[in-house]
Amino acid sequence: MTQPKIAVTKVGFHTVLALGDCITYQNCEELEAHIQKIVGGNQIAIIFDCKGVSFLDSKALEMLLRLQEAIKGRGRQMKIVGLNAVCRDILIATRLINQFYTYPDMKEAIRETS
């Protein structure tokens, strides 16, 4: 099983999770469990920095939707930053692009807090 690569940093009241590699059925369960442990505390938003993610499969999309619901249920926002063209096209093709708050860069994601 592929070990998920994830780095966690804090930027003000935002928790930034820098994801690396592909997110697929092989690492989704471990990644989701790791993220669920991190979510909580006093952050305004959880930001997924996806600059290092080269591909998302259907299992990854399901995971992102579940995480978004869990994060939203705690009164927080989930934001996605730095999608490459392939990942963005996957979200567009599956019509999920409008289900998520996506931003081209970290500054814009942090600035836009509703």
N, C-alpha and C. Protein backbone atom coordinates (compact mmCIF):
# COMPACT_ATOMS: atom_id res chain seq x y z
N MET A 1 0.85 -1.18 0.00
CA MET A 1 0.00 0.00 0.00
C MET A 1 0.88 1.24 0.00
N THR A 2 0.52 2.23 -0.78
CA THR A 2 1.28 3.46 -0.89
C THR A 2 1.03 4.33 0.34
N GLN A 3 2.10 4.76 0.98
CA GLN A 3 1.99 5.62 2.15
C GLN A 3 1.67 7.04 1.70
N PRO A 4 0.64 7.67 2.24
CA PRO A 4 0.30 9.04 1.82
C PRO A 4 1.36 10.03 2.27
N LYS A 5 1.64 10.99 1.40
CA LYS A 5 2.58 12.05 1.75
C LYS A 5 1.76 13.28 2.09
N ILE A 6 2.01 13.81 3.29
CA ILE A 6 1.25 14.98 3.73
C ILE A 6 2.10 15.79 4.69
N ALA A 7 2.11 17.10 4.50
CA ALA A 7 2.81 18.01 5.39
C ALA A 7 1.78 18.99 5.94
N VAL A 8 1.83 19.24 7.24
CA VAL A 8 0.85 20.10 7.90
C VAL A 8 1.54 21.36 8.40
N THR A 9 0.97 22.51 8.05
CA THR A 9 1.46 23.79 8.58
C THR A 9 0.26 24.64 8.98
N LYS A 10 0.52 25.62 9.79
CA LYS A 10 -0.53 26.57 10.21
C LYS A 10 -0.19 27.93 9.62
N VAL A 11 -1.20 28.59 9.07
CA VAL A 11 -1.07 29.95 8.57
C VAL A 11 -2.21 30.72 9.22
N GLY A 12 -1.90 31.43 10.31
CA GLY A 12 -2.96 32.10 11.06
C GLY A 12 -3.92 31.07 11.61
N PHE A 13 -5.20 31.25 11.32
CA PHE A 13 -6.21 30.30 11.76
C PHE A 13 -6.57 29.28 10.67
N HIS A 14 -5.68 29.10 9.71
CA HIS A 14 -5.87 28.14 8.64
C HIS A 14 -4.88 26.98 8.84
N THR A 15 -5.35 25.77 8.62
CA THR A 15 -4.46 24.61 8.61
C THR A 15 -4.25 24.23 7.16
N VAL A 16 -2.99 24.20 6.75
CA VAL A 16 -2.64 23.87 5.37
C VAL A 16 -2.09 22.46 5.33
N LEU A 17 -2.71 21.63 4.50
CA LEU A 17 -2.28 20.26 4.30
C LEU A 17 -1.70 20.16 2.90
N ALA A 18 -0.39 20.04 2.80
CA ALA A 18 0.26 19.90 1.50
C ALA A 18 0.28 18.42 1.16
N LEU A 19 -0.46 18.08 0.13
CA LEU A 19 -0.57 16.69 -0.30
C LEU A 19 0.42 16.44 -1.42
N GLY A 20 1.01 15.26 -1.42
CA GLY A 20 1.96 14.93 -2.46
C GLY A 20 1.59 13.65 -3.17
N ASP A 21 2.09 13.52 -4.38
CA ASP A 21 1.88 12.32 -5.18
C ASP A 21 0.46 12.24 -5.71
N CYS A 22 0.09 11.08 -6.18
CA CYS A 22 -1.28 10.83 -6.65
C CYS A 22 -2.15 10.52 -5.44
N ILE A 23 -3.43 10.82 -5.55
CA ILE A 23 -4.37 10.40 -4.52
C ILE A 23 -5.29 9.39 -5.20
N THR A 24 -5.15 8.14 -4.79
CA THR A 24 -5.89 7.05 -5.42
C THR A 24 -6.44 6.10 -4.37
N TYR A 25 -7.13 5.08 -4.85
CA TYR A 25 -7.70 4.07 -3.97
C TYR A 25 -6.64 3.44 -3.08
N GLN A 26 -5.38 3.45 -3.51
CA GLN A 26 -4.31 2.82 -2.75
C GLN A 26 -3.96 3.56 -1.47
N ASN A 27 -4.17 4.87 -1.43
CA ASN A 27 -3.78 5.62 -0.24
C ASN A 27 -4.89 6.46 0.38
N CYS A 28 -6.10 6.38 -0.17
CA CYS A 28 -7.20 7.22 0.31
C CYS A 28 -7.57 6.97 1.77
N GLU A 29 -7.70 5.71 2.16
CA GLU A 29 -8.14 5.42 3.53
C GLU A 29 -7.15 5.94 4.55
N GLU A 30 -5.86 5.70 4.32
CA GLU A 30 -4.84 6.20 5.25
C GLU A 30 -4.82 7.72 5.27
N LEU A 31 -4.92 8.32 4.10
CA LEU A 31 -4.90 9.77 4.00
C LEU A 31 -6.10 10.39 4.72
N GLU A 32 -7.27 9.83 4.50
CA GLU A 32 -8.48 10.35 5.15
C GLU A 32 -8.40 10.20 6.67
N ALA A 33 -7.92 9.07 7.15
CA ALA A 33 -7.77 8.86 8.60
C ALA A 33 -6.80 9.88 9.18
N HIS A 34 -5.72 10.13 8.47
CA HIS A 34 -4.72 11.11 8.93
C HIS A 34 -5.33 12.52 8.97
N ILE A 35 -6.07 12.86 7.95
CA ILE A 35 -6.69 14.19 7.88
C ILE A 35 -7.75 14.35 8.97
N GLN A 36 -8.54 13.31 9.22
CA GLN A 36 -9.57 13.38 10.26
C GLN A 36 -8.96 13.67 11.63
N LYS A 37 -7.75 13.18 11.89
CA LYS A 37 -7.07 13.45 13.16
C LYS A 37 -6.67 14.92 13.26
N ILE A 38 -6.34 15.51 12.13
CA ILE A 38 -5.85 16.89 12.09
C ILE A 38 -7.00 17.89 12.22
N VAL A 39 -8.14 17.56 11.60
CA VAL A 39 -9.28 18.47 11.57
C VAL A 39 -9.80 18.66 12.98
N GLY A 40 -10.01 19.89 13.34
CA GLY A 40 -10.46 20.21 14.68
C GLY A 40 -9.74 21.46 15.14
N GLY A 41 -9.86 21.77 16.37
CA GLY A 41 -9.17 22.95 16.88
C GLY A 41 -9.87 24.23 16.48
N ASN A 42 -9.10 25.31 16.40
CA ASN A 42 -9.70 26.62 16.19
C ASN A 42 -9.45 27.18 14.80
N GLN A 43 -9.17 26.33 13.82
CA GLN A 43 -8.93 26.85 12.49
C GLN A 43 -10.23 27.30 11.83
N ILE A 44 -10.10 28.31 10.97
CA ILE A 44 -11.22 28.82 10.19
C ILE A 44 -11.45 27.91 9.00
N ALA A 45 -10.35 27.47 8.40
CA ALA A 45 -10.45 26.67 7.18
C ALA A 45 -9.34 25.64 7.12
N ILE A 46 -9.63 24.57 6.41
CA ILE A 46 -8.64 23.56 6.07
C ILE A 46 -8.32 23.78 4.60
N ILE A 47 -7.06 24.02 4.30
CA ILE A 47 -6.65 24.26 2.92
C ILE A 47 -5.83 23.08 2.44
N PHE A 48 -6.28 22.46 1.36
CA PHE A 48 -5.54 21.37 0.73
C PHE A 48 -4.66 21.97 -0.36
N ASP A 49 -3.36 21.94 -0.14
CA ASP A 49 -2.40 22.41 -1.13
C ASP A 49 -2.09 21.23 -2.04
N CYS A 50 -2.60 21.27 -3.25
CA CYS A 50 -2.51 20.13 -4.17
C CYS A 50 -1.48 20.32 -5.27
N LYS A 51 -0.53 21.26 -5.07
CA LYS A 51 0.49 21.46 -6.10
C LYS A 51 1.29 20.19 -6.37
N GLY A 52 1.43 19.33 -5.38
CA GLY A 52 2.20 18.10 -5.54
C GLY A 52 1.37 16.92 -5.99
N VAL A 53 0.08 17.11 -6.21
CA VAL A 53 -0.81 16.01 -6.60
C VAL A 53 -0.89 15.97 -8.12
N SER A 54 -0.50 14.84 -8.69
CA SER A 54 -0.49 14.73 -10.15
C SER A 54 -1.76 14.09 -10.70
N PHE A 55 -2.53 13.38 -9.85
CA PHE A 55 -3.70 12.66 -10.34
C PHE A 55 -4.66 12.36 -9.20
N LEU A 56 -5.95 12.41 -9.48
CA LEU A 56 -7.01 12.04 -8.54
C LEU A 56 -7.87 10.97 -9.21
N ASP A 57 -8.15 9.88 -8.50
CA ASP A 57 -9.07 8.90 -9.06
C ASP A 57 -10.45 9.07 -8.41
N SER A 58 -11.41 8.21 -8.78
CA SER A 58 -12.77 8.35 -8.26
C SER A 58 -12.83 8.17 -6.75
N LYS A 59 -12.01 7.32 -6.20
CA LYS A 59 -11.97 7.12 -4.75
C LYS A 59 -11.50 8.41 -4.06
N ALA A 60 -10.55 9.10 -4.66
CA ALA A 60 -10.07 10.38 -4.11
C ALA A 60 -11.17 11.43 -4.13
N LEU A 61 -11.95 11.45 -5.21
CA LEU A 61 -13.05 12.41 -5.29
C LEU A 61 -14.10 12.14 -4.21
N GLU A 62 -14.41 10.86 -4.00
CA GLU A 62 -15.35 10.49 -2.93
C GLU A 62 -14.82 10.93 -1.58
N MET A 63 -13.52 10.72 -1.35
CA MET A 63 -12.90 11.11 -0.09
C MET A 63 -12.99 12.62 0.12
N LEU A 64 -12.69 13.40 -0.92
CA LEU A 64 -12.76 14.85 -0.81
C LEU A 64 -14.18 15.31 -0.49
N LEU A 65 -15.16 14.69 -1.10
CA LEU A 65 -16.56 15.05 -0.79
C LEU A 65 -16.91 14.72 0.66
N ARG A 66 -16.48 13.55 1.15
CA ARG A 66 -16.74 13.17 2.56
C ARG A 66 -16.05 14.14 3.51
N LEU A 67 -14.79 14.46 3.22
CA LEU A 67 -14.06 15.38 4.08
C LEU A 67 -14.71 16.76 4.09
N GLN A 68 -15.16 17.20 2.93
CA GLN A 68 -15.81 18.50 2.87
C GLN A 68 -17.05 18.53 3.76
N GLU A 69 -17.85 17.48 3.71
CA GLU A 69 -19.04 17.41 4.56
C GLU A 69 -18.67 17.41 6.04
N ALA A 70 -17.64 16.65 6.39
CA ALA A 70 -17.20 16.59 7.79
C ALA A 70 -16.68 17.95 8.26
N ILE A 71 -15.90 18.61 7.43
CA ILE A 71 -15.33 19.91 7.78
C ILE A 71 -16.44 20.97 7.86
N LYS A 72 -17.35 20.92 6.91
CA LYS A 72 -18.49 21.85 6.89
C LYS A 72 -19.37 21.64 8.12
N GLY A 73 -19.54 20.38 8.51
CA GLY A 73 -20.34 20.05 9.69
C GLY A 73 -19.76 20.60 10.97
N ARG A 74 -18.49 20.89 10.97
CA ARG A 74 -17.82 21.49 12.14
C ARG A 74 -17.75 23.01 12.03
N GLY A 75 -18.45 23.55 11.05
CA GLY A 75 -18.50 25.00 10.90
C GLY A 75 -17.26 25.60 10.28
N ARG A 76 -16.53 24.82 9.54
CA ARG A 76 -15.31 25.30 8.91
C ARG A 76 -15.42 25.18 7.40
N GLN A 77 -14.44 25.74 6.71
CA GLN A 77 -14.40 25.66 5.25
C GLN A 77 -13.29 24.74 4.79
N MET A 78 -13.49 24.12 3.64
CA MET A 78 -12.45 23.35 2.99
C MET A 78 -12.12 24.04 1.67
N LYS A 79 -10.84 24.29 1.45
CA LYS A 79 -10.40 24.96 0.23
C LYS A 79 -9.33 24.11 -0.44
N ILE A 80 -9.29 24.18 -1.76
CA ILE A 80 -8.30 23.43 -2.52
C ILE A 80 -7.49 24.43 -3.34
N VAL A 81 -6.17 24.31 -3.24
CA VAL A 81 -5.26 25.24 -3.90
C VAL A 81 -4.32 24.47 -4.83
N GLY A 82 -4.00 25.08 -5.96
CA GLY A 82 -2.92 24.60 -6.80
C GLY A 82 -3.18 23.35 -7.61
N LEU A 83 -4.41 23.16 -8.05
CA LEU A 83 -4.70 21.98 -8.89
C LEU A 83 -3.98 22.10 -10.22
N ASN A 84 -3.36 21.02 -10.65
CA ASN A 84 -2.75 21.03 -11.98
C ASN A 84 -3.84 20.86 -13.03
N ALA A 85 -3.48 20.93 -14.30
CA ALA A 85 -4.46 20.86 -15.38
C ALA A 85 -5.20 19.52 -15.40
N VAL A 86 -4.51 18.44 -15.11
CA VAL A 86 -5.15 17.11 -15.12
C VAL A 86 -6.20 17.02 -14.02
N CYS A 87 -5.84 17.40 -12.80
CA CYS A 87 -6.78 17.32 -11.68
C CYS A 87 -7.96 18.26 -11.89
N ARG A 88 -7.69 19.45 -12.39
CA ARG A 88 -8.77 20.40 -12.67
C ARG A 88 -9.71 19.83 -13.73
N ASP A 89 -9.15 19.23 -14.78
CA ASP A 89 -9.98 18.62 -15.83
C ASP A 89 -10.82 17.48 -15.28
N ILE A 90 -10.28 16.71 -14.34
CA ILE A 90 -11.04 15.62 -13.72
C ILE A 90 -12.24 16.19 -12.96
N LEU A 91 -12.01 17.26 -12.22
CA LEU A 91 -13.12 17.89 -11.48
C LEU A 91 -14.16 18.48 -12.43
N ILE A 92 -13.70 19.05 -13.53
CA ILE A 92 -14.63 19.61 -14.52
C ILE A 92 -15.42 18.49 -15.19
N ALA A 93 -14.75 17.42 -15.62
CA ALA A 93 -15.41 16.32 -16.32
C ALA A 93 -16.44 15.62 -15.45
N THR A 94 -16.16 15.55 -14.14
CA THR A 94 -17.10 14.89 -13.23
C THR A 94 -18.14 15.86 -12.67
N ARG A 95 -18.04 17.11 -13.10
CA ARG A 95 -18.95 18.17 -12.66
C ARG A 95 -18.87 18.42 -11.15
N LEU A 96 -17.71 18.18 -10.59
CA LEU A 96 -17.50 18.43 -9.16
C LEU A 96 -16.76 19.74 -8.90
N ILE A 97 -16.31 20.39 -9.94
CA ILE A 97 -15.52 21.61 -9.76
C ILE A 97 -16.27 22.67 -8.95
N ASN A 98 -17.59 22.72 -9.11
CA ASN A 98 -18.38 23.71 -8.38
C ASN A 98 -18.76 23.26 -6.97
N GLN A 99 -18.40 22.05 -6.61
CA GLN A 99 -18.68 21.54 -5.26
C GLN A 99 -17.61 22.00 -4.27
N PHE A 100 -16.49 22.46 -4.78
CA PHE A 100 -15.36 22.82 -3.92
C PHE A 100 -14.97 24.28 -4.14
N TYR A 101 -14.38 24.87 -3.11
CA TYR A 101 -13.76 26.18 -3.24
C TYR A 101 -12.35 25.92 -3.74
N THR A 102 -12.06 26.33 -4.98
CA THR A 102 -10.73 26.13 -5.54
C THR A 102 -10.07 27.48 -5.81
N TYR A 103 -8.77 27.53 -5.61
CA TYR A 103 -8.01 28.77 -5.77
C TYR A 103 -6.70 28.47 -6.48
N PRO A 104 -6.23 29.43 -7.27
CA PRO A 104 -4.96 29.21 -7.96
C PRO A 104 -3.74 29.27 -7.04
N ASP A 105 -3.85 30.07 -5.96
CA ASP A 105 -2.70 30.19 -5.05
C ASP A 105 -3.14 30.35 -3.60
N MET A 106 -2.19 30.19 -2.72
CA MET A 106 -2.45 30.20 -1.27
C MET A 106 -2.91 31.57 -0.78
N LYS A 107 -2.32 32.65 -1.30
CA LYS A 107 -2.70 33.99 -0.85
C LYS A 107 -4.18 34.25 -1.05
N GLU A 108 -4.69 33.88 -2.23
CA GLU A 108 -6.10 34.10 -2.53
C GLU A 108 -7.00 33.25 -1.63
N ALA A 109 -6.58 32.02 -1.37
CA ALA A 109 -7.38 31.13 -0.52
C ALA A 109 -7.47 31.66 0.90
N ILE A 110 -6.38 32.19 1.41
CA ILE A 110 -6.37 32.73 2.78
C ILE A 110 -7.15 34.03 2.84
N ARG A 111 -7.01 34.85 1.80
CA ARG A 111 -7.71 36.13 1.76
C ARG A 111 -9.23 35.96 1.72
N GLU A 112 -9.70 34.95 1.00
CA GLU A 112 -11.14 34.72 0.83
C GLU A 112 -11.69 33.83 1.95
N THR A 113 -12.09 34.42 3.04
CA THR A 113 -12.71 33.69 4.12
C THR A 113 -14.08 34.28 4.34
N SER A 114 -15.08 33.41 4.14
CA SER A 114 -16.45 33.93 4.31
C SER A 114 -17.01 33.54 5.65
